[in-house]
Amino acid sequence: MASREAFPIDAAQIVGMFMESVFFGVYLVTFVRCVKVLFWRDGAFKPWHRMHHKMIVAAFLMCIFASLDVAFHLRHILEVFVGVQDSKSVIDAFNDTSYWINVMKMACYVAQTFVGDAILLYRCWIVYDKNWYVIIVSTLLWLGCTVCGAMTIYYQSISDTMGALLNARSLVPFITSMLVLTLAMNTLTTSLIVYKIWRIQDRLRRRNTYTLSNPLSRLLVVLIESGLLYTLSIVILFTLYMLGNNGQYGVSNAVVQIIGITFNLIITSVDRSDTSRGDATQNSAMSRSAAVNRVPLQTIHIQTTTSVIRYPEFDEEAKPTSPSSDADSRTEWK
């Protein structure tokens, strides 16, 4: 209780609105770049069959959930601080767990987590050549997290406990499980992807068939940094939630935006890696062509010697006995 009195929920909601607005601005910048990568290539609009439809759907779903979360939060703050005059009523309004805006904000968080983890799982499946055995554990963790999120939304909507998410005993097991499962799923899946790309890079370097390691190295750095950003935010959120600190509201609002930011950064990084490899391949081909053109022409003398070895025993056996059998004999010994 002391932690909540030191940081009251009304102040936590205002700070949370500020934090979410900052991260939402960062998200919009990365989203514009992501849309450009998904729809344009080399200054032209991509053909429909060359677009990655799954990533396009995921990108716009994340944008919808991120925008709705900001809109619901702003609506809640305006509704409470403008429509309620008593300070005690303000606290009670924010602590109303089953209020529809609180339920919708939790739904946005769960939906954003669901889409983000699903895309991460899909990337791991693709990286490992669509091997289902590799992602069995990650899939189970993802399903468990989704179920816990759905149960959280359900029990929050029917809860009559005043005290928000901190004192609702029916919600604590599901929220705790959801945070632990999504943390484990993201850590495991990101580690698998990073390990696979690192193995490919190391194998190509040892074979001396891949001398330009910068594209893959850049992708590895983005994957690791994005994974650490999301993991760190979940760890902070989980810690604040277990301590009963109202700072969890600001972090949870930021996490909704961070999920979209990490998705956009990875999409942009993959496009940069493809562009770097394409430019490197083109430059390498031009260098080889220039090197060939610089070699002076020389006259090459070729002498051909033909040797014929005859086997008398085969000649005697293959010799036709009549003109009519000449064609058959030649065909047999060809």
C-alpha atoms as a PDB file:
ATOM      1  CA  MET A   1       0.000   0.000   0.000  1.00  0.00           C
ATOM      2  CA  ALA A   2       2.867   2.351   0.733  1.00  0.00           C
ATOM      3  CA  SER A   3       4.153   2.086  -2.802  1.00  0.00           C
ATOM      4  CA  ARG A   4       0.765   3.044  -4.200  1.00  0.00           C
ATOM      5  CA  GLU A   5       0.453   6.033  -1.858  1.00  0.00           C
ATOM      6  CA  ALA A   6       3.907   7.235  -2.894  1.00  0.00           C
ATOM      7  CA  PHE A   7       2.830   7.124  -6.537  1.00  0.00           C
ATOM      8  CA  PRO A   8      -0.967   7.518  -6.677  1.00  0.00           C
ATOM      9  CA  ILE A   9      -2.885   6.095  -9.568  1.00  0.00           C
ATOM     10  CA  ASP A  10      -4.055   9.461 -10.916  1.00  0.00           C
ATOM     11  CA  ALA A  11      -0.456  10.634 -11.247  1.00  0.00           C
ATOM     12  CA  ALA A  12       0.492   7.245 -12.702  1.00  0.00           C
ATOM     13  CA  GLN A  13      -2.154   7.603 -15.397  1.00  0.00           C
ATOM     14  CA  ILE A  14      -0.877  11.050 -16.403  1.00  0.00           C
ATOM     15  CA  VAL A  15       2.719   9.825 -16.529  1.00  0.00           C
ATOM     16  CA  GLY A  16       1.539   6.779 -18.466  1.00  0.00           C
ATOM     17  CA  MET A  17      -0.173   9.020 -21.023  1.00  0.00           C
ATOM     18  CA  PHE A  18       3.049  10.968 -21.481  1.00  0.00           C
ATOM     19  CA  MET A  19       5.163   7.817 -21.848  1.00  0.00           C
ATOM     20  CA  GLU A  20       2.758   6.256 -24.318  1.00  0.00           C
ATOM     21  CA  SER A  21       2.630   9.447 -26.392  1.00  0.00           C
ATOM     22  CA  VAL A  22       6.423   9.534 -26.666  1.00  0.00           C
ATOM     23  CA  PHE A  23       6.653   5.896 -27.707  1.00  0.00           C
ATOM     24  CA  PHE A  24       3.676   6.294 -30.040  1.00  0.00           C
ATOM     25  CA  GLY A  25       5.547   9.063 -31.849  1.00  0.00           C
ATOM     26  CA  VAL A  26       8.564   6.789 -32.241  1.00  0.00           C
ATOM     27  CA  TYR A  27       6.261   4.030 -33.428  1.00  0.00           C
ATOM     28  CA  LEU A  28       4.687   6.228 -36.114  1.00  0.00           C
ATOM     29  CA  VAL A  29       8.108   7.139 -37.514  1.00  0.00           C
ATOM     30  CA  THR A  30       9.116   3.477 -37.748  1.00  0.00           C
ATOM     31  CA  PHE A  31       5.678   2.537 -39.112  1.00  0.00           C
ATOM     32  CA  VAL A  32       5.996   4.946 -42.038  1.00  0.00           C
ATOM     33  CA  ARG A  33       9.374   3.446 -42.897  1.00  0.00           C
ATOM     34  CA  CYS A  34       7.964  -0.076 -42.548  1.00  0.00           C
ATOM     35  CA  VAL A  35       5.055   0.684 -44.900  1.00  0.00           C
ATOM     36  CA  LYS A  36       7.470   2.102 -47.442  1.00  0.00           C
ATOM     37  CA  VAL A  37       9.534  -1.080 -47.301  1.00  0.00           C
ATOM     38  CA  LEU A  38       6.468  -3.312 -47.625  1.00  0.00           C
ATOM     39  CA  PHE A  39       4.922  -1.458 -50.582  1.00  0.00           C
ATOM     40  CA  TRP A  40       7.814   0.139 -52.482  1.00  0.00           C
ATOM     41  CA  ARG A  41      11.003  -1.209 -54.008  1.00  0.00           C
ATOM     42  CA  ASP A  42      13.596   0.734 -56.018  1.00  0.00           C
ATOM     43  CA  GLY A  43      11.355   3.782 -56.210  1.00  0.00           C
ATOM     44  CA  ALA A  44       8.380   1.893 -57.659  1.00  0.00           C
ATOM     45  CA  PHE A  45       5.228   0.321 -56.273  1.00  0.00           C
ATOM     46  CA  LYS A  46       5.650  -3.418 -55.769  1.00  0.00           C
ATOM     47  CA  PRO A  47       3.458  -5.786 -57.792  1.00  0.00           C
ATOM     48  CA  TRP A  48       0.739  -7.421 -55.711  1.00  0.00           C
ATOM     49  CA  HIS A  49       2.223 -10.904 -56.015  1.00  0.00           C
ATOM     50  CA  ARG A  50       5.596  -9.696 -54.706  1.00  0.00           C
ATOM     51  CA  MET A  51       4.205  -8.113 -51.545  1.00  0.00           C
ATOM     52  CA  HIS A  52       4.513  -9.936 -48.235  1.00  0.00           C
ATOM     53  CA  HIS A  53       0.830 -10.054 -47.352  1.00  0.00           C
ATOM     54  CA  LYS A  54       1.274 -11.562 -43.885  1.00  0.00           C
ATOM     55  CA  MET A  55       3.620  -8.786 -42.815  1.00  0.00           C
ATOM     56  CA  ILE A  56       1.336  -6.125 -44.299  1.00  0.00           C
ATOM     57  CA  VAL A  57      -1.656  -7.429 -42.344  1.00  0.00           C
ATOM     58  CA  ALA A  58       0.405  -7.662 -39.158  1.00  0.00           C
ATOM     59  CA  ALA A  59       1.786  -4.138 -39.588  1.00  0.00           C
ATOM     60  CA  PHE A  60      -1.649  -2.563 -39.984  1.00  0.00           C
ATOM     61  CA  LEU A  61      -3.169  -4.608 -37.153  1.00  0.00           C
ATOM     62  CA  MET A  62      -0.409  -3.407 -34.845  1.00  0.00           C
ATOM     63  CA  CYS A  63      -0.998   0.168 -35.964  1.00  0.00           C
ATOM     64  CA  ILE A  64      -4.712  -0.167 -35.208  1.00  0.00           C
ATOM     65  CA  PHE A  65      -4.146  -1.607 -31.731  1.00  0.00           C
ATOM     66  CA  ALA A  66      -1.442   0.949 -30.899  1.00  0.00           C
ATOM     67  CA  SER A  67      -3.646   3.841 -32.010  1.00  0.00           C
ATOM     68  CA  LEU A  68      -6.693   2.510 -30.164  1.00  0.00           C
ATOM     69  CA  ASP A  69      -4.708   2.146 -26.954  1.00  0.00           C
ATOM     70  CA  VAL A  70      -3.657   5.809 -27.109  1.00  0.00           C
ATOM     71  CA  ALA A  71      -7.206   6.892 -27.951  1.00  0.00           C
ATOM     72  CA  PHE A  72      -8.763   4.908 -25.093  1.00  0.00           C
ATOM     73  CA  HIS A  73      -6.196   6.240 -22.638  1.00  0.00           C
ATOM     74  CA  LEU A  74      -6.802   9.842 -23.686  1.00  0.00           C
ATOM     75  CA  ARG A  75     -10.563   9.333 -23.501  1.00  0.00           C
ATOM     76  CA  HIS A  76     -10.256   7.899 -19.997  1.00  0.00           C
ATOM     77  CA  ILE A  77      -8.112  10.771 -18.704  1.00  0.00           C
ATOM     78  CA  LEU A  78     -10.401  13.430 -20.180  1.00  0.00           C
ATOM     79  CA  GLU A  79     -13.468  11.672 -18.868  1.00  0.00           C
ATOM     80  CA  VAL A  80     -12.100  11.367 -15.337  1.00  0.00           C
ATOM     81  CA  PHE A  81     -10.344  14.701 -14.872  1.00  0.00           C
ATOM     82  CA  VAL A  82     -12.922  16.807 -16.698  1.00  0.00           C
ATOM     83  CA  GLY A  83     -16.113  15.017 -15.710  1.00  0.00           C
ATOM     84  CA  VAL A  84     -15.257  14.260 -12.070  1.00  0.00           C
ATOM     85  CA  GLN A  85     -14.765  17.057  -9.555  1.00  0.00           C
ATOM     86  CA  ASP A  86     -14.000  15.136  -6.369  1.00  0.00           C
ATOM     87  CA  SER A  87     -10.418  13.848  -6.029  1.00  0.00           C
ATOM     88  CA  LYS A  88     -11.645  10.715  -4.280  1.00  0.00           C
ATOM     89  CA  SER A  89     -13.998  10.037  -7.164  1.00  0.00           C
ATOM     90  CA  VAL A  90     -11.046  10.394  -9.560  1.00  0.00           C
ATOM     91  CA  ILE A  91      -9.162   7.639  -7.736  1.00  0.00           C
ATOM     92  CA  ASP A  92     -12.255   5.440  -7.680  1.00  0.00           C
ATOM     93  CA  ALA A  93     -12.833   6.007 -11.402  1.00  0.00           C
ATOM     94  CA  PHE A  94      -9.307   4.876 -12.269  1.00  0.00           C
ATOM     95  CA  ASN A  95      -9.624   1.918  -9.891  1.00  0.00           C
ATOM     96  CA  ASP A  96     -12.796   0.650 -11.559  1.00  0.00           C
ATOM     97  CA  THR A  97     -11.446  -2.573 -13.037  1.00  0.00           C
ATOM     98  CA  SER A  98     -14.511  -3.533 -15.041  1.00  0.00           C
ATOM     99  CA  TYR A  99     -14.981  -0.116 -16.650  1.00  0.00           C
ATOM    100  CA  TRP A 100     -15.212  -0.599 -20.401  1.00  0.00           C
ATOM    101  CA  ILE A 101     -12.200   1.607 -21.216  1.00  0.00           C
ATOM    102  CA  ASN A 102      -9.968  -0.381 -18.856  1.00  0.00           C
ATOM    103  CA  VAL A 103     -11.214  -3.596 -20.427  1.00  0.00           C
ATOM    104  CA  MET A 104     -10.575  -2.309 -23.940  1.00  0.00           C
ATOM    105  CA  LYS A 105      -7.065  -1.171 -23.025  1.00  0.00           C
ATOM    106  CA  MET A 106      -6.308  -4.644 -21.709  1.00  0.00           C
ATOM    107  CA  ALA A 107      -7.752  -6.089 -24.931  1.00  0.00           C
ATOM    108  CA  CYS A 108      -5.418  -3.861 -26.977  1.00  0.00           C
ATOM    109  CA  TYR A 109      -2.440  -5.038 -24.930  1.00  0.00           C
ATOM    110  CA  VAL A 110      -3.357  -8.714 -25.339  1.00  0.00           C
ATOM    111  CA  ALA A 111      -4.074  -8.331 -29.066  1.00  0.00           C
ATOM    112  CA  GLN A 112      -0.804  -6.480 -29.678  1.00  0.00           C
ATOM    113  CA  THR A 113       1.107  -9.160 -27.792  1.00  0.00           C
ATOM    114  CA  PHE A 114      -0.701 -11.885 -29.738  1.00  0.00           C
ATOM    115  CA  VAL A 115       0.180 -10.409 -33.143  1.00  0.00           C
ATOM    116  CA  GLY A 116       3.759  -9.555 -32.202  1.00  0.00           C
ATOM    117  CA  ASP A 117       4.495 -13.005 -30.798  1.00  0.00           C
ATOM    118  CA  ALA A 118       2.789 -14.686 -33.764  1.00  0.00           C
ATOM    119  CA  ILE A 119       5.008 -12.839 -36.247  1.00  0.00           C
ATOM    120  CA  LEU A 120       8.095 -13.658 -34.194  1.00  0.00           C
ATOM    121  CA  LEU A 121       7.062 -17.311 -34.229  1.00  0.00           C
ATOM    122  CA  TYR A 122       6.494 -17.163 -37.994  1.00  0.00           C
ATOM    123  CA  ARG A 123       9.963 -15.702 -38.554  1.00  0.00           C
ATOM    124  CA  CYS A 124      11.547 -18.489 -36.544  1.00  0.00           C
ATOM    125  CA  TRP A 125       9.599 -21.068 -38.552  1.00  0.00           C
ATOM    126  CA  ILE A 126      10.806 -19.558 -41.831  1.00  0.00           C
ATOM    127  CA  VAL A 127      14.423 -19.241 -40.696  1.00  0.00           C
ATOM    128  CA  TYR A 128      14.493 -22.948 -39.837  1.00  0.00           C
ATOM    129  CA  ASP A 129      13.103 -23.965 -43.252  1.00  0.00           C
ATOM    130  CA  LYS A 130       9.539 -24.432 -41.960  1.00  0.00           C
ATOM    131  CA  ASN A 131      10.592 -27.021 -39.402  1.00  0.00           C
ATOM    132  CA  TRP A 132       7.702 -27.436 -36.965  1.00  0.00           C
ATOM    133  CA  TYR A 133       9.749 -29.352 -34.420  1.00  0.00           C
ATOM    134  CA  VAL A 134      11.936 -26.323 -33.718  1.00  0.00           C
ATOM    135  CA  ILE A 135       9.017 -24.108 -32.711  1.00  0.00           C
ATOM    136  CA  ILE A 136       6.954 -26.622 -30.712  1.00  0.00           C
ATOM    137  CA  VAL A 137       7.928 -25.172 -27.338  1.00  0.00           C
ATOM    138  CA  SER A 138       7.557 -21.578 -28.552  1.00  0.00           C
ATOM    139  CA  THR A 139       4.124 -22.366 -29.978  1.00  0.00           C
ATOM    140  CA  LEU A 140       2.942 -23.865 -26.700  1.00  0.00           C
ATOM    141  CA  LEU A 141       4.186 -20.807 -24.818  1.00  0.00           C
ATOM    142  CA  TRP A 142       2.431 -18.534 -27.320  1.00  0.00           C
ATOM    143  CA  LEU A 143      -0.859 -20.418 -26.981  1.00  0.00           C
ATOM    144  CA  GLY A 144      -0.596 -20.374 -23.199  1.00  0.00           C
ATOM    145  CA  CYS A 145       0.031 -16.631 -23.214  1.00  0.00           C
ATOM    146  CA  THR A 146      -2.969 -16.086 -25.496  1.00  0.00           C
ATOM    147  CA  VAL A 147      -5.264 -18.146 -23.271  1.00  0.00           C
ATOM    148  CA  CYS A 148      -4.116 -16.280 -20.160  1.00  0.00           C
ATOM    149  CA  GLY A 149      -4.683 -12.963 -21.924  1.00  0.00           C
ATOM    150  CA  ALA A 150      -8.198 -13.953 -22.972  1.00  0.00           C
ATOM    151  CA  MET A 151      -9.021 -15.077 -19.430  1.00  0.00           C
ATOM    152  CA  THR A 152      -7.690 -11.783 -18.074  1.00  0.00           C
ATOM    153  CA  ILE A 153     -10.008  -9.821 -20.350  1.00  0.00           C
ATOM    154  CA  TYR A 154     -12.975 -11.984 -19.381  1.00  0.00           C
ATOM    155  CA  TYR A 155     -12.481 -11.801 -15.617  1.00  0.00           C
ATOM    156  CA  GLN A 156     -11.697  -8.103 -15.768  1.00  0.00           C
ATOM    157  CA  SER A 157     -14.956  -7.410 -17.584  1.00  0.00           C
ATOM    158  CA  ILE A 158     -17.034  -9.207 -14.925  1.00  0.00           C
ATOM    159  CA  SER A 159     -14.998  -8.092 -11.917  1.00  0.00           C
ATOM    160  CA  ASP A 160     -16.611  -5.804  -9.344  1.00  0.00           C
ATOM    161  CA  THR A 161     -13.443  -5.259  -7.301  1.00  0.00           C
ATOM    162  CA  MET A 162     -12.440  -1.659  -6.710  1.00  0.00           C
ATOM    163  CA  GLY A 163      -8.669  -1.501  -6.785  1.00  0.00           C
ATOM    164  CA  ALA A 164      -7.797  -1.872 -10.441  1.00  0.00           C
ATOM    165  CA  LEU A 165      -5.459  -4.710 -11.338  1.00  0.00           C
ATOM    166  CA  LEU A 166      -3.463  -4.622  -8.123  1.00  0.00           C
ATOM    167  CA  ASN A 167      -5.940  -6.171  -5.690  1.00  0.00           C
ATOM    168  CA  ALA A 168      -8.073  -8.271  -8.023  1.00  0.00           C
ATOM    169  CA  ARG A 169      -7.248 -11.798  -6.888  1.00  0.00           C
ATOM    170  CA  SER A 170      -9.032 -13.339  -9.852  1.00  0.00           C
ATOM    171  CA  LEU A 171      -6.698 -11.511 -12.249  1.00  0.00           C
ATOM    172  CA  VAL A 172      -3.331 -11.955 -10.564  1.00  0.00           C
ATOM    173  CA  PRO A 173      -2.725 -15.590 -11.661  1.00  0.00           C
ATOM    174  CA  PHE A 174      -3.620 -14.886 -15.296  1.00  0.00           C
ATOM    175  CA  ILE A 175      -1.663 -11.631 -15.575  1.00  0.00           C
ATOM    176  CA  THR A 176       1.378 -13.163 -13.905  1.00  0.00           C
ATOM    177  CA  SER A 177       1.238 -16.218 -16.160  1.00  0.00           C
ATOM    178  CA  MET A 178       0.773 -14.077 -19.270  1.00  0.00           C
ATOM    179  CA  LEU A 179       3.828 -11.956 -18.496  1.00  0.00           C
ATOM    180  CA  VAL A 180       6.006 -14.962 -17.671  1.00  0.00           C
ATOM    181  CA  LEU A 181       4.918 -16.895 -20.763  1.00  0.00           C
ATOM    182  CA  THR A 182       5.435 -14.010 -23.188  1.00  0.00           C
ATOM    183  CA  LEU A 183       8.838 -13.307 -21.637  1.00  0.00           C
ATOM    184  CA  ALA A 184       9.884 -16.945 -22.010  1.00  0.00           C
ATOM    185  CA  MET A 185       8.472 -17.193 -25.537  1.00  0.00           C
ATOM    186  CA  ASN A 186      10.236 -14.070 -26.794  1.00  0.00           C
ATOM    187  CA  THR A 187      13.544 -14.960 -25.176  1.00  0.00           C
ATOM    188  CA  LEU A 188      13.511 -18.502 -26.566  1.00  0.00           C
ATOM    189  CA  THR A 189      12.337 -17.632 -30.079  1.00  0.00           C
ATOM    190  CA  THR A 190      14.643 -14.646 -30.509  1.00  0.00           C
ATOM    191  CA  SER A 191      17.579 -16.748 -29.308  1.00  0.00           C
ATOM    192  CA  LEU A 192      16.744 -19.453 -31.861  1.00  0.00           C
ATOM    193  CA  ILE A 193      16.620 -16.923 -34.707  1.00  0.00           C
ATOM    194  CA  VAL A 194      19.849 -15.231 -33.664  1.00  0.00           C
ATOM    195  CA  TYR A 195      21.604 -18.587 -33.306  1.00  0.00           C
ATOM    196  CA  LYS A 196      20.491 -19.733 -36.761  1.00  0.00           C
ATOM    197  CA  ILE A 197      21.620 -16.537 -38.487  1.00  0.00           C
ATOM    198  CA  TRP A 198      24.909 -16.583 -36.600  1.00  0.00           C
ATOM    199  CA  ARG A 199      25.519 -20.190 -37.698  1.00  0.00           C
ATOM    200  CA  ILE A 200      24.852 -19.289 -41.335  1.00  0.00           C
ATOM    201  CA  GLN A 201      27.164 -16.305 -41.151  1.00  0.00           C
ATOM    202  CA  ASP A 202      29.920 -18.316 -39.483  1.00  0.00           C
ATOM    203  CA  ARG A 203      29.611 -21.177 -41.986  1.00  0.00           C
ATOM    204  CA  LEU A 204      29.830 -18.862 -44.977  1.00  0.00           C
ATOM    205  CA  ARG A 205      32.794 -17.047 -43.498  1.00  0.00           C
ATOM    206  CA  ARG A 206      34.680 -20.309 -42.963  1.00  0.00           C
ATOM    207  CA  ARG A 207      34.038 -21.384 -46.542  1.00  0.00           C
ATOM    208  CA  ASN A 208      35.252 -18.013 -47.803  1.00  0.00           C
ATOM    209  CA  THR A 209      32.113 -17.750 -49.900  1.00  0.00           C
ATOM    210  CA  TYR A 210      30.717 -14.740 -48.117  1.00  0.00           C
ATOM    211  CA  THR A 211      33.121 -11.915 -47.589  1.00  0.00           C
ATOM    212  CA  LEU A 212      30.589  -9.170 -46.941  1.00  0.00           C
ATOM    213  CA  SER A 213      29.237  -9.933 -43.491  1.00  0.00           C
ATOM    214  CA  ASN A 214      27.872  -6.471 -42.747  1.00  0.00           C
ATOM    215  CA  PRO A 215      24.249  -7.132 -43.839  1.00  0.00           C
ATOM    216  CA  LEU A 216      23.841 -10.206 -41.644  1.00  0.00           C
ATOM    217  CA  SER A 217      25.761  -8.570 -38.820  1.00  0.00           C
ATOM    218  CA  ARG A 218      23.435  -5.566 -38.950  1.00  0.00           C
ATOM    219  CA  LEU A 219      20.418  -7.857 -38.884  1.00  0.00           C
ATOM    220  CA  LEU A 220      21.814  -9.723 -35.888  1.00  0.00           C
ATOM    221  CA  VAL A 221      22.381  -6.470 -34.024  1.00  0.00           C
ATOM    222  CA  VAL A 222      18.816  -5.300 -34.690  1.00  0.00           C
ATOM    223  CA  LEU A 223      17.358  -8.645 -33.615  1.00  0.00           C
ATOM    224  CA  ILE A 224      19.345  -8.658 -30.395  1.00  0.00           C
ATOM    225  CA  GLU A 225      18.642  -5.019 -29.566  1.00  0.00           C
ATOM    226  CA  SER A 226      14.923  -5.356 -30.344  1.00  0.00           C
ATOM    227  CA  GLY A 227      14.695  -8.505 -28.261  1.00  0.00           C
ATOM    228  CA  LEU A 228      16.510  -6.859 -25.365  1.00  0.00           C
ATOM    229  CA  LEU A 229      14.271  -3.780 -25.558  1.00  0.00           C
ATOM    230  CA  TYR A 230      11.094  -5.828 -25.379  1.00  0.00           C
ATOM    231  CA  THR A 231      12.486  -8.250 -22.792  1.00  0.00           C
ATOM    232  CA  LEU A 232      13.665  -5.435 -20.546  1.00  0.00           C
ATOM    233  CA  SER A 233      10.285  -3.699 -20.730  1.00  0.00           C
ATOM    234  CA  ILE A 234       8.479  -6.931 -19.803  1.00  0.00           C
ATOM    235  CA  VAL A 235      10.872  -7.542 -16.899  1.00  0.00           C
ATOM    236  CA  ILE A 236      10.255  -4.016 -15.582  1.00  0.00           C
ATOM    237  CA  LEU A 237       6.496  -4.414 -16.004  1.00  0.00           C
ATOM    238  CA  PHE A 238       6.508  -7.778 -14.240  1.00  0.00           C
ATOM    239  CA  THR A 239       8.604  -6.406 -11.365  1.00  0.00           C
ATOM    240  CA  LEU A 240       6.357  -3.386 -10.848  1.00  0.00           C
ATOM    241  CA  TYR A 241       3.267  -5.557 -11.005  1.00  0.00           C
ATOM    242  CA  MET A 242       4.568  -7.987  -8.399  1.00  0.00           C
ATOM    243  CA  LEU A 243       5.571  -5.063  -6.155  1.00  0.00           C
ATOM    244  CA  GLY A 244       2.128  -3.515  -6.508  1.00  0.00           C
ATOM    245  CA  ASN A 245       3.531  -0.238  -7.816  1.00  0.00           C
ATOM    246  CA  ASN A 246       1.317   1.988  -9.931  1.00  0.00           C
ATOM    247  CA  GLY A 247       4.251   2.603 -12.241  1.00  0.00           C
ATOM    248  CA  GLN A 248       3.089  -0.526 -14.040  1.00  0.00           C
ATOM    249  CA  TYR A 249       0.464   1.538 -15.867  1.00  0.00           C
ATOM    250  CA  GLY A 250       3.021   3.721 -17.588  1.00  0.00           C
ATOM    251  CA  VAL A 251       5.202   0.753 -18.527  1.00  0.00           C
ATOM    252  CA  SER A 252       2.260  -1.320 -19.794  1.00  0.00           C
ATOM    253  CA  ASN A 253       1.166   1.578 -22.004  1.00  0.00           C
ATOM    254  CA  ALA A 254       4.689   1.883 -23.384  1.00  0.00           C
ATOM    255  CA  VAL A 255       4.947  -1.876 -24.021  1.00  0.00           C
ATOM    256  CA  VAL A 256       2.010  -1.721 -26.450  1.00  0.00           C
ATOM    257  CA  GLN A 257       4.027   0.696 -28.574  1.00  0.00           C
ATOM    258  CA  ILE A 258       7.357  -1.086 -28.069  1.00  0.00           C
ATOM    259  CA  ILE A 259       5.942  -4.284 -29.587  1.00  0.00           C
ATOM    260  CA  GLY A 260       5.126  -2.397 -32.788  1.00  0.00           C
ATOM    261  CA  ILE A 261       8.466  -0.577 -32.776  1.00  0.00           C
ATOM    262  CA  THR A 262      10.453  -3.819 -32.632  1.00  0.00           C
ATOM    263  CA  PHE A 263       8.390  -5.275 -35.494  1.00  0.00           C
ATOM    264  CA  ASN A 264       8.994  -2.224 -37.689  1.00  0.00           C
ATOM    265  CA  LEU A 265      12.711  -2.122 -36.921  1.00  0.00           C
ATOM    266  CA  ILE A 266      13.199  -5.748 -37.945  1.00  0.00           C
ATOM    267  CA  ILE A 267      11.278  -5.264 -41.213  1.00  0.00           C
ATOM    268  CA  THR A 268      13.389  -2.216 -42.034  1.00  0.00           C
ATOM    269  CA  SER A 269      16.612  -4.016 -41.132  1.00  0.00           C
ATOM    270  CA  VAL A 270      15.793  -6.980 -43.382  1.00  0.00           C
ATOM    271  CA  ASP A 271      15.164  -4.601 -46.287  1.00  0.00           C
ATOM    272  CA  ARG A 272      18.479  -2.851 -45.700  1.00  0.00           C
ATOM    273  CA  SER A 273      20.265  -6.203 -45.610  1.00  0.00           C
ATOM    274  CA  ASP A 274      18.691  -7.208 -48.935  1.00  0.00           C
ATOM    275  CA  THR A 275      19.636  -3.860 -50.468  1.00  0.00           C
ATOM    276  CA  SER A 276      23.212  -4.122 -49.209  1.00  0.00           C
ATOM    277  CA  ARG A 277      23.585  -7.639 -50.590  1.00  0.00           C
ATOM    278  CA  GLY A 278      22.137  -6.564 -53.932  1.00  0.00           C
ATOM    279  CA  ASP A 279      24.475  -3.581 -54.196  1.00  0.00           C
ATOM    280  CA  ALA A 280      27.431  -5.708 -53.132  1.00  0.00           C
ATOM    281  CA  THR A 281      26.606  -8.342 -55.749  1.00  0.00           C
ATOM    282  CA  GLN A 282      26.287  -5.715 -58.468  1.00  0.00           C
ATOM    283  CA  ASN A 283      29.548  -4.035 -57.487  1.00  0.00           C
ATOM    284  CA  SER A 284      31.310  -7.398 -57.361  1.00  0.00           C
ATOM    285  CA  ALA A 285      30.086  -8.280 -60.858  1.00  0.00           C
ATOM    286  CA  MET A 286      31.203  -4.905 -62.194  1.00  0.00           C
ATOM    287  CA  SER A 287      34.619  -5.356 -60.596  1.00  0.00           C
ATOM    288  CA  ARG A 288      35.051  -8.775 -62.167  1.00  0.00           C
ATOM    289  CA  SER A 289      34.003  -7.409 -65.558  1.00  0.00           C
ATOM    290  CA  ALA A 290      36.457  -4.538 -65.276  1.00  0.00           C
ATOM    291  CA  ALA A 291      39.214  -6.914 -64.234  1.00  0.00           C
ATOM    292  CA  VAL A 292      38.571  -9.096 -67.264  1.00  0.00           C
ATOM    293  CA  ASN A 293      38.618  -6.077 -69.575  1.00  0.00           C
ATOM    294  CA  ARG A 294      42.002  -5.044 -68.212  1.00  0.00           C
ATOM    295  CA  VAL A 295      43.631  -8.392 -69.169  1.00  0.00           C
ATOM    296  CA  PRO A 296      45.549  -7.998 -72.500  1.00  0.00           C
ATOM    297  CA  LEU A 297      44.636 -10.292 -75.357  1.00  0.00           C
ATOM    298  CA  GLN A 298      47.252 -12.873 -76.334  1.00  0.00           C
ATOM    299  CA  THR A 299      47.551 -15.316 -79.216  1.00  0.00           C
ATOM    300  CA  ILE A 300      47.145 -18.924 -78.105  1.00  0.00           C
ATOM    301  CA  HIS A 301      48.539 -21.706 -80.314  1.00  0.00           C
ATOM    302  CA  ILE A 302      46.692 -24.990 -80.070  1.00  0.00           C
ATOM    303  CA  GLN A 303      48.053 -28.201 -81.527  1.00  0.00           C
ATOM    304  CA  THR A 304      45.764 -31.222 -81.717  1.00  0.00           C
ATOM    305  CA  THR A 305      47.118 -34.753 -81.969  1.00  0.00           C
ATOM    306  CA  THR A 306      44.774 -37.622 -82.755  1.00  0.00           C
ATOM    307  CA  SER A 307      45.722 -41.168 -81.835  1.00  0.00           C
ATOM    308  CA  VAL A 308      43.804 -44.209 -83.013  1.00  0.00           C
ATOM    309  CA  ILE A 309      44.168 -47.530 -81.221  1.00  0.00           C
ATOM    310  CA  ARG A 310      42.899 -50.573 -83.001  1.00  0.00           C
ATOM    311  CA  TYR A 311      42.025 -53.905 -81.492  1.00  0.00           C
ATOM    312  CA  PRO A 312      42.329 -56.598 -84.168  1.00  0.00           C
ATOM    313  CA  GLU A 313      40.235 -59.116 -82.316  1.00  0.00           C
ATOM    314  CA  PHE A 314      37.334 -56.651 -82.111  1.00  0.00           C
ATOM    315  CA  ASP A 315      37.804 -55.663 -85.752  1.00  0.00           C
ATOM    316  CA  GLU A 316      37.540 -59.252 -86.839  1.00  0.00           C
ATOM    317  CA  GLU A 317      34.448 -59.896 -84.724  1.00  0.00           C
ATOM    318  CA  ALA A 318      32.774 -56.692 -85.751  1.00  0.00           C
ATOM    319  CA  LYS A 319      33.520 -57.116 -89.449  1.00  0.00           C
ATOM    320  CA  PRO A 320      30.218 -57.610 -91.308  1.00  0.00           C
ATOM    321  CA  THR A 321      29.809 -60.795 -93.342  1.00  0.00           C
ATOM    322  CA  SER A 322      27.370 -59.341 -95.801  1.00  0.00           C
ATOM    323  CA  PRO A 323      26.325 -55.888 -96.997  1.00  0.00           C
ATOM    324  CA  SER A 324      22.922 -56.306 -95.450  1.00  0.00           C
ATOM    325  CA  SER A 325      24.377 -56.640 -91.959  1.00  0.00           C
ATOM    326  CA  ASP A 326      26.699 -53.601 -92.180  1.00  0.00           C
ATOM    327  CA  ALA A 327      24.266 -51.183 -90.531  1.00  0.00           C
ATOM    328  CA  ASP A 328      23.534 -53.611 -87.692  1.00  0.00           C
ATOM    329  CA  SER A 329      27.223 -54.086 -86.940  1.00  0.00           C
ATOM    330  CA  ARG A 330      27.950 -50.359 -86.768  1.00  0.00           C
ATOM    331  CA  THR A 331      25.011 -49.817 -84.477  1.00  0.00           C
ATOM    332  CA  GLU A 332      26.077 -52.581 -82.106  1.00  0.00           C
ATOM    333  CA  TRP A 333      29.618 -51.258 -81.587  1.00  0.00           C
ATOM    334  CA  LYS A 334      28.868 -47.573 -81.290  1.00  0.00           C
END
